[in-house]
Amino acid sequence: MHDILAGYDGSVSAQEAVRFAKNLAEKEGARLHILTVARPPDWGKLAHERPELIEIEKRHCQDLITELKGELGLAGVAVQYEMVVGQPAKELVLYAERHNIDHVVVGHRGHTAFDRWLIGSVARQVIAYVPCSVTIVRNRLDVAKEHR
């Protein structure tokens, strides 16, 4: 393995996915790519509001990356951070294709249940379309709740 991609949206599952990807990159001597996707407004927004809302989302994603850099401590791992605008699953797949990613790591669940219901799970879509192996990292708290 030479290149590992982790999707990051700031959720607990994504945080655990990045930690898993970091550990895997350390063990394999691989580069770690972390992709954050700023989502444009989905519906009901006037055309003149969209650029401002996208800029707010982009600033939020940059803040997530800044926080992650401070928390993760990636000493010993080559890491590349990138933020793009679009739909998370699509952008993860495109990034993996463009950068010849060997392995993708994503969290089981992102921030909103409504998004998962509306467009399907990002993890499910990545599994279906990415041209490499995928690891889905589950949030331990979610797993514990499901088994009660």
N, C-alpha and C. Protein backbone atom coordinates (compact mmCIF):
# COMPACT_ATOMS: atom_id res chain seq x y z
N MET A 1 0.84 -1.17 0.00
CA MET A 1 0.00 0.00 0.00
C MET A 1 0.89 1.24 0.00
N HIS A 2 0.58 2.15 -0.92
CA HIS A 2 1.37 3.37 -1.02
C HIS A 2 0.58 4.62 -0.64
N ASP A 3 -0.73 4.62 -0.93
CA ASP A 3 -1.56 5.80 -0.69
C ASP A 3 -2.89 5.39 -0.07
N ILE A 4 -3.20 6.01 1.07
CA ILE A 4 -4.44 5.72 1.81
C ILE A 4 -5.23 7.02 1.91
N LEU A 5 -6.51 6.94 1.61
CA LEU A 5 -7.39 8.10 1.65
C LEU A 5 -8.40 7.95 2.77
N ALA A 6 -8.54 9.00 3.59
CA ALA A 6 -9.58 9.03 4.62
C ALA A 6 -10.50 10.21 4.34
N GLY A 7 -11.81 9.94 4.35
CA GLY A 7 -12.80 11.01 4.25
C GLY A 7 -13.04 11.59 5.63
N TYR A 8 -13.15 12.91 5.71
CA TYR A 8 -13.28 13.55 7.02
C TYR A 8 -14.34 14.64 7.00
N ASP A 9 -15.37 14.50 7.86
CA ASP A 9 -16.41 15.52 7.99
C ASP A 9 -16.54 16.05 9.41
N GLY A 10 -15.62 15.66 10.28
CA GLY A 10 -15.65 16.13 11.66
C GLY A 10 -16.49 15.29 12.59
N SER A 11 -17.24 14.32 12.07
CA SER A 11 -18.08 13.47 12.91
C SER A 11 -17.20 12.52 13.72
N VAL A 12 -17.78 11.92 14.75
CA VAL A 12 -17.04 10.97 15.58
C VAL A 12 -16.56 9.79 14.73
N SER A 13 -17.42 9.27 13.86
CA SER A 13 -17.03 8.17 12.99
C SER A 13 -15.86 8.56 12.09
N ALA A 14 -15.90 9.77 11.57
CA ALA A 14 -14.81 10.24 10.70
C ALA A 14 -13.52 10.41 11.49
N GLN A 15 -13.62 10.86 12.72
CA GLN A 15 -12.43 10.99 13.56
C GLN A 15 -11.79 9.63 13.78
N GLU A 16 -12.62 8.64 14.06
CA GLU A 16 -12.10 7.28 14.26
C GLU A 16 -11.54 6.72 12.96
N ALA A 17 -12.16 7.05 11.83
CA ALA A 17 -11.66 6.59 10.53
C ALA A 17 -10.28 7.17 10.25
N VAL A 18 -10.08 8.45 10.57
CA VAL A 18 -8.78 9.07 10.34
C VAL A 18 -7.72 8.44 11.24
N ARG A 19 -8.07 8.17 12.48
CA ARG A 19 -7.10 7.50 13.37
C ARG A 19 -6.73 6.12 12.82
N PHE A 20 -7.72 5.38 12.36
CA PHE A 20 -7.47 4.06 11.76
C PHE A 20 -6.55 4.21 10.54
N ALA A 21 -6.87 5.16 9.66
CA ALA A 21 -6.08 5.38 8.45
C ALA A 21 -4.66 5.79 8.79
N LYS A 22 -4.49 6.62 9.80
CA LYS A 22 -3.16 7.05 10.24
C LYS A 22 -2.34 5.84 10.71
N ASN A 23 -2.96 4.99 11.53
CA ASN A 23 -2.27 3.80 12.01
C ASN A 23 -1.90 2.86 10.86
N LEU A 24 -2.81 2.70 9.92
CA LEU A 24 -2.55 1.86 8.75
C LEU A 24 -1.40 2.44 7.92
N ALA A 25 -1.40 3.75 7.72
CA ALA A 25 -0.34 4.41 6.96
C ALA A 25 1.01 4.23 7.65
N GLU A 26 1.02 4.33 8.99
CA GLU A 26 2.27 4.13 9.73
C GLU A 26 2.80 2.71 9.53
N LYS A 27 1.90 1.73 9.64
CA LYS A 27 2.31 0.33 9.50
C LYS A 27 2.79 0.00 8.10
N GLU A 28 2.15 0.59 7.11
CA GLU A 28 2.46 0.29 5.71
C GLU A 28 3.54 1.19 5.12
N GLY A 29 3.89 2.26 5.84
CA GLY A 29 4.82 3.24 5.27
C GLY A 29 4.20 3.98 4.10
N ALA A 30 2.89 4.20 4.17
CA ALA A 30 2.14 4.81 3.07
C ALA A 30 1.89 6.29 3.33
N ARG A 31 1.56 7.02 2.26
CA ARG A 31 1.11 8.40 2.39
C ARG A 31 -0.35 8.40 2.80
N LEU A 32 -0.72 9.36 3.63
CA LEU A 32 -2.10 9.50 4.07
C LEU A 32 -2.68 10.74 3.41
N HIS A 33 -3.81 10.56 2.73
CA HIS A 33 -4.54 11.66 2.12
C HIS A 33 -5.81 11.84 2.94
N ILE A 34 -6.11 13.08 3.32
CA ILE A 34 -7.35 13.36 4.04
C ILE A 34 -8.16 14.34 3.21
N LEU A 35 -9.37 13.91 2.85
CA LEU A 35 -10.24 14.72 2.01
C LEU A 35 -11.46 15.17 2.80
N THR A 36 -11.68 16.47 2.77
CA THR A 36 -12.87 17.07 3.37
C THR A 36 -13.69 17.68 2.25
N VAL A 37 -15.00 17.44 2.27
CA VAL A 37 -15.85 17.90 1.18
C VAL A 37 -16.85 18.94 1.69
N ALA A 38 -16.77 20.14 1.11
CA ALA A 38 -17.74 21.20 1.41
C ALA A 38 -18.94 20.96 0.51
N ARG A 39 -20.08 20.76 1.15
CA ARG A 39 -21.29 20.46 0.38
C ARG A 39 -22.03 21.73 0.02
N PRO A 40 -22.38 21.92 -1.25
CA PRO A 40 -23.20 23.07 -1.63
C PRO A 40 -24.62 22.87 -1.11
N PRO A 41 -25.39 23.95 -1.01
CA PRO A 41 -26.79 23.80 -0.59
C PRO A 41 -27.52 22.84 -1.52
N ASP A 42 -28.36 21.99 -0.94
CA ASP A 42 -29.03 20.96 -1.73
C ASP A 42 -30.29 21.46 -2.45
N TRP A 43 -31.09 22.24 -1.79
CA TRP A 43 -32.33 22.66 -2.44
C TRP A 43 -32.87 23.91 -1.74
N GLY A 44 -33.79 24.58 -2.40
CA GLY A 44 -34.50 25.69 -1.80
C GLY A 44 -33.68 26.95 -1.61
N LYS A 45 -32.54 27.04 -2.24
CA LYS A 45 -31.71 28.24 -2.07
C LYS A 45 -31.76 29.05 -3.36
N LEU A 46 -31.85 30.35 -3.19
CA LEU A 46 -31.83 31.22 -4.37
C LEU A 46 -30.41 31.25 -4.94
N ALA A 47 -30.33 31.46 -6.23
CA ALA A 47 -29.02 31.42 -6.91
C ALA A 47 -28.04 32.41 -6.30
N HIS A 48 -28.50 33.58 -5.89
CA HIS A 48 -27.57 34.58 -5.35
C HIS A 48 -27.09 34.23 -3.93
N GLU A 49 -27.77 33.33 -3.24
CA GLU A 49 -27.34 32.91 -1.90
C GLU A 49 -26.28 31.83 -1.95
N ARG A 50 -26.24 31.06 -3.00
CA ARG A 50 -25.37 29.90 -3.07
C ARG A 50 -23.89 30.22 -2.88
N PRO A 51 -23.31 31.21 -3.57
CA PRO A 51 -21.88 31.45 -3.38
C PRO A 51 -21.51 31.76 -1.93
N GLU A 52 -22.33 32.54 -1.26
CA GLU A 52 -22.05 32.88 0.15
C GLU A 52 -22.14 31.64 1.03
N LEU A 53 -23.15 30.81 0.80
CA LEU A 53 -23.31 29.60 1.60
C LEU A 53 -22.17 28.61 1.35
N ILE A 54 -21.74 28.52 0.12
CA ILE A 54 -20.60 27.64 -0.20
C ILE A 54 -19.35 28.14 0.50
N GLU A 55 -19.14 29.45 0.51
CA GLU A 55 -17.96 30.01 1.20
C GLU A 55 -17.99 29.71 2.69
N ILE A 56 -19.17 29.78 3.29
CA ILE A 56 -19.30 29.44 4.72
C ILE A 56 -18.94 27.98 4.95
N GLU A 57 -19.43 27.11 4.08
CA GLU A 57 -19.12 25.68 4.20
C GLU A 57 -17.63 25.42 3.99
N LYS A 58 -17.03 26.11 3.03
CA LYS A 58 -15.59 25.94 2.79
C LYS A 58 -14.78 26.38 4.01
N ARG A 59 -15.16 27.49 4.62
CA ARG A 59 -14.45 27.94 5.84
C ARG A 59 -14.61 26.92 6.95
N HIS A 60 -15.80 26.34 7.08
CA HIS A 60 -16.03 25.31 8.08
C HIS A 60 -15.10 24.11 7.84
N CYS A 61 -14.99 23.68 6.60
CA CYS A 61 -14.13 22.54 6.27
C CYS A 61 -12.66 22.87 6.53
N GLN A 62 -12.25 24.08 6.22
CA GLN A 62 -10.87 24.47 6.52
C GLN A 62 -10.62 24.45 8.03
N ASP A 63 -11.62 24.88 8.81
CA ASP A 63 -11.50 24.82 10.27
C ASP A 63 -11.38 23.38 10.74
N LEU A 64 -12.14 22.46 10.14
CA LEU A 64 -12.04 21.04 10.49
C LEU A 64 -10.63 20.51 10.23
N ILE A 65 -10.06 20.90 9.09
CA ILE A 65 -8.71 20.45 8.76
C ILE A 65 -7.70 21.02 9.75
N THR A 66 -7.84 22.29 10.07
CA THR A 66 -6.92 22.92 11.03
C THR A 66 -6.98 22.22 12.38
N GLU A 67 -8.19 21.94 12.86
CA GLU A 67 -8.36 21.23 14.13
C GLU A 67 -7.74 19.84 14.06
N LEU A 68 -7.97 19.14 12.95
CA LEU A 68 -7.46 17.79 12.80
C LEU A 68 -5.93 17.79 12.81
N LYS A 69 -5.32 18.75 12.13
CA LYS A 69 -3.86 18.84 12.11
C LYS A 69 -3.33 18.99 13.54
N GLY A 70 -4.02 19.79 14.35
CA GLY A 70 -3.59 20.00 15.72
C GLY A 70 -3.80 18.80 16.62
N GLU A 71 -4.86 18.05 16.39
CA GLU A 71 -5.21 16.93 17.26
C GLU A 71 -4.49 15.64 16.91
N LEU A 72 -4.23 15.43 15.63
CA LEU A 72 -3.80 14.12 15.18
C LEU A 72 -2.34 13.82 15.44
N GLY A 73 -1.49 14.79 15.33
CA GLY A 73 -0.07 14.54 15.53
C GLY A 73 0.45 13.51 14.56
N LEU A 74 0.63 13.90 13.31
CA LEU A 74 0.98 12.96 12.26
C LEU A 74 2.49 12.79 12.07
N ALA A 75 3.26 12.96 13.11
CA ALA A 75 4.71 12.77 12.99
C ALA A 75 5.00 11.39 12.43
N GLY A 76 5.86 11.35 11.45
CA GLY A 76 6.25 10.06 10.87
C GLY A 76 5.37 9.59 9.72
N VAL A 77 4.30 10.31 9.41
CA VAL A 77 3.41 9.93 8.30
C VAL A 77 3.35 11.10 7.33
N ALA A 78 3.60 10.82 6.06
CA ALA A 78 3.44 11.84 5.03
C ALA A 78 1.94 12.04 4.82
N VAL A 79 1.47 13.27 4.96
CA VAL A 79 0.04 13.52 4.87
C VAL A 79 -0.25 14.66 3.91
N GLN A 80 -1.33 14.51 3.18
CA GLN A 80 -1.79 15.53 2.26
C GLN A 80 -3.25 15.82 2.58
N TYR A 81 -3.56 17.07 2.87
CA TYR A 81 -4.93 17.49 3.17
C TYR A 81 -5.49 18.18 1.94
N GLU A 82 -6.76 17.91 1.65
CA GLU A 82 -7.41 18.61 0.54
C GLU A 82 -8.88 18.82 0.87
N MET A 83 -9.40 19.96 0.42
CA MET A 83 -10.81 20.27 0.57
C MET A 83 -11.35 20.57 -0.82
N VAL A 84 -12.50 19.96 -1.14
CA VAL A 84 -13.16 20.20 -2.41
C VAL A 84 -14.63 20.50 -2.15
N VAL A 85 -15.30 21.02 -3.15
CA VAL A 85 -16.74 21.29 -3.06
C VAL A 85 -17.46 20.24 -3.89
N GLY A 86 -18.50 19.63 -3.32
CA GLY A 86 -19.29 18.66 -4.06
C GLY A 86 -20.01 17.70 -3.14
N GLN A 87 -20.39 16.56 -3.67
CA GLN A 87 -21.06 15.51 -2.90
C GLN A 87 -19.99 14.56 -2.37
N PRO A 88 -20.00 14.26 -1.06
CA PRO A 88 -18.91 13.49 -0.45
C PRO A 88 -18.55 12.18 -1.13
N ALA A 89 -19.51 11.32 -1.40
CA ALA A 89 -19.18 10.02 -2.00
C ALA A 89 -18.54 10.19 -3.37
N LYS A 90 -19.13 11.02 -4.18
CA LYS A 90 -18.61 11.25 -5.53
C LYS A 90 -17.19 11.79 -5.47
N GLU A 91 -16.95 12.76 -4.59
CA GLU A 91 -15.63 13.37 -4.50
C GLU A 91 -14.59 12.39 -3.97
N LEU A 92 -14.97 11.53 -3.03
CA LEU A 92 -14.03 10.52 -2.54
C LEU A 92 -13.63 9.55 -3.66
N VAL A 93 -14.61 9.12 -4.44
CA VAL A 93 -14.33 8.21 -5.55
C VAL A 93 -13.44 8.88 -6.59
N LEU A 94 -13.76 10.11 -6.98
CA LEU A 94 -12.96 10.83 -7.97
C LEU A 94 -11.53 11.05 -7.47
N TYR A 95 -11.40 11.41 -6.20
CA TYR A 95 -10.07 11.63 -5.62
C TYR A 95 -9.27 10.33 -5.65
N ALA A 96 -9.91 9.24 -5.27
CA ALA A 96 -9.22 7.94 -5.26
C ALA A 96 -8.75 7.57 -6.66
N GLU A 97 -9.56 7.84 -7.66
CA GLU A 97 -9.18 7.54 -9.04
C GLU A 97 -8.02 8.43 -9.51
N ARG A 98 -8.12 9.73 -9.24
CA ARG A 98 -7.09 10.68 -9.71
C ARG A 98 -5.74 10.46 -9.04
N HIS A 99 -5.73 10.00 -7.79
CA HIS A 99 -4.48 9.89 -7.03
C HIS A 99 -4.01 8.44 -6.87
N ASN A 100 -4.59 7.53 -7.61
CA ASN A 100 -4.20 6.11 -7.53
C ASN A 100 -4.18 5.61 -6.09
N ILE A 101 -5.24 5.87 -5.37
CA ILE A 101 -5.35 5.46 -3.97
C ILE A 101 -5.48 3.94 -3.90
N ASP A 102 -4.75 3.35 -2.95
CA ASP A 102 -4.77 1.90 -2.76
C ASP A 102 -5.86 1.45 -1.79
N HIS A 103 -6.25 2.34 -0.88
CA HIS A 103 -7.19 1.95 0.18
C HIS A 103 -7.92 3.21 0.66
N VAL A 104 -9.22 3.12 0.81
CA VAL A 104 -10.04 4.23 1.31
C VAL A 104 -10.60 3.85 2.67
N VAL A 105 -10.59 4.79 3.60
CA VAL A 105 -11.14 4.59 4.93
C VAL A 105 -12.17 5.68 5.18
N VAL A 106 -13.39 5.26 5.51
CA VAL A 106 -14.45 6.23 5.83
C VAL A 106 -15.20 5.79 7.08
N GLY A 107 -15.81 6.75 7.72
CA GLY A 107 -16.64 6.46 8.89
C GLY A 107 -17.96 5.87 8.46
N HIS A 108 -18.55 5.11 9.36
CA HIS A 108 -19.83 4.46 9.09
C HIS A 108 -20.96 5.47 8.94
N ARG A 109 -20.95 6.47 9.78
CA ARG A 109 -22.01 7.48 9.74
C ARG A 109 -21.44 8.87 9.83
N GLY A 110 -22.03 9.77 9.05
CA GLY A 110 -21.62 11.17 9.09
C GLY A 110 -22.48 11.94 10.07
N HIS A 111 -22.66 13.22 9.78
CA HIS A 111 -23.34 14.09 10.74
C HIS A 111 -24.85 13.91 10.82
N THR A 112 -25.54 13.83 9.67
CA THR A 112 -26.99 13.92 9.75
C THR A 112 -27.68 12.66 9.24
N ALA A 113 -28.66 12.23 9.99
CA ALA A 113 -29.47 11.08 9.57
C ALA A 113 -30.27 11.42 8.32
N PHE A 114 -30.72 12.67 8.19
CA PHE A 114 -31.51 13.07 7.04
C PHE A 114 -30.71 12.92 5.75
N ASP A 115 -29.44 13.34 5.77
CA ASP A 115 -28.59 13.19 4.58
C ASP A 115 -28.47 11.73 4.20
N ARG A 116 -28.28 10.85 5.18
CA ARG A 116 -28.15 9.42 4.88
C ARG A 116 -29.44 8.89 4.25
N TRP A 117 -30.58 9.34 4.78
CA TRP A 117 -31.85 8.88 4.25
C TRP A 117 -32.06 9.41 2.83
N LEU A 118 -31.71 10.68 2.61
CA LEU A 118 -31.96 11.32 1.34
C LEU A 118 -31.08 10.77 0.21
N ILE A 119 -29.78 10.68 0.44
CA ILE A 119 -28.87 10.30 -0.64
C ILE A 119 -28.21 8.96 -0.42
N GLY A 120 -28.51 8.30 0.68
CA GLY A 120 -27.86 7.03 0.96
C GLY A 120 -26.55 7.26 1.68
N SER A 121 -26.06 6.25 2.26
CA SER A 121 -24.83 6.33 3.03
C SER A 121 -23.64 6.63 2.12
N VAL A 122 -22.82 7.57 2.53
CA VAL A 122 -21.58 7.86 1.80
C VAL A 122 -20.74 6.59 1.75
N ALA A 123 -20.64 5.90 2.87
CA ALA A 123 -19.85 4.66 2.91
C ALA A 123 -20.36 3.65 1.89
N ARG A 124 -21.66 3.49 1.80
CA ARG A 124 -22.24 2.53 0.86
C ARG A 124 -21.92 2.92 -0.59
N GLN A 125 -22.01 4.20 -0.90
CA GLN A 125 -21.72 4.65 -2.25
C GLN A 125 -20.23 4.50 -2.58
N VAL A 126 -19.37 4.78 -1.61
CA VAL A 126 -17.94 4.63 -1.84
C VAL A 126 -17.61 3.17 -2.13
N ILE A 127 -18.16 2.26 -1.33
CA ILE A 127 -17.92 0.83 -1.56
C ILE A 127 -18.33 0.44 -2.97
N ALA A 128 -19.44 0.97 -3.42
CA ALA A 128 -19.98 0.58 -4.73
C ALA A 128 -19.13 1.07 -5.90
N TYR A 129 -18.43 2.20 -5.75
CA TYR A 129 -17.81 2.81 -6.93
C TYR A 129 -16.30 3.02 -6.86
N VAL A 130 -15.71 2.96 -5.69
CA VAL A 130 -14.27 3.24 -5.60
C VAL A 130 -13.48 2.05 -6.17
N PRO A 131 -12.38 2.33 -6.88
CA PRO A 131 -11.64 1.26 -7.55
C PRO A 131 -10.56 0.59 -6.69
N CYS A 132 -10.78 0.53 -5.38
CA CYS A 132 -9.78 -0.09 -4.49
C CYS A 132 -10.48 -0.63 -3.25
N SER A 133 -9.71 -1.14 -2.33
CA SER A 133 -10.26 -1.67 -1.08
C SER A 133 -10.78 -0.54 -0.22
N VAL A 134 -11.77 -0.86 0.62
CA VAL A 134 -12.39 0.14 1.49
C VAL A 134 -12.52 -0.44 2.90
N THR A 135 -12.22 0.37 3.89
CA THR A 135 -12.50 0.01 5.28
C THR A 135 -13.52 1.00 5.81
N ILE A 136 -14.58 0.46 6.41
CA ILE A 136 -15.60 1.28 7.05
C ILE A 136 -15.36 1.19 8.55
N VAL A 137 -15.14 2.32 9.19
CA VAL A 137 -14.87 2.35 10.62
C VAL A 137 -16.12 2.80 11.34
N ARG A 138 -16.58 1.98 12.25
CA ARG A 138 -17.79 2.29 13.01
C ARG A 138 -17.43 3.01 14.30
N ASN A 139 -18.27 3.94 14.67
CA ASN A 139 -18.14 4.63 15.94
C ASN A 139 -18.51 3.64 17.04
N ARG A 140 -17.62 3.42 17.96
CA ARG A 140 -17.85 2.43 19.03
C ARG A 140 -19.12 2.73 19.83
N LEU A 141 -19.46 4.01 20.01
CA LEU A 141 -20.67 4.36 20.76
C LEU A 141 -21.92 3.95 20.00
N ASP A 142 -21.91 4.13 18.67
CA ASP A 142 -23.06 3.71 17.85
C ASP A 142 -23.24 2.19 17.91
N VAL A 143 -22.14 1.46 17.85
CA VAL A 143 -22.21 0.00 17.91
C VAL A 143 -22.81 -0.43 19.25
N ALA A 144 -22.36 0.18 20.33
CA ALA A 144 -22.87 -0.16 21.65
C ALA A 144 -24.38 0.11 21.75
N LYS A 145 -24.84 1.23 21.19
CA LYS A 145 -26.27 1.55 21.22
C LYS A 145 -27.08 0.52 20.43
N GLU A 146 -26.54 0.08 19.28
CA GLU A 146 -27.27 -0.87 18.44
C GLU A 146 -27.42 -2.22 19.09
N HIS A 147 -26.52 -2.56 20.00
CA HIS A 147 -26.56 -3.88 20.64
C HIS A 147 -27.31 -3.89 21.97
N ARG A 148 -27.92 -2.78 22.30
CA ARG A 148 -28.72 -2.74 23.55
C ARG A 148 -30.09 -3.25 23.32
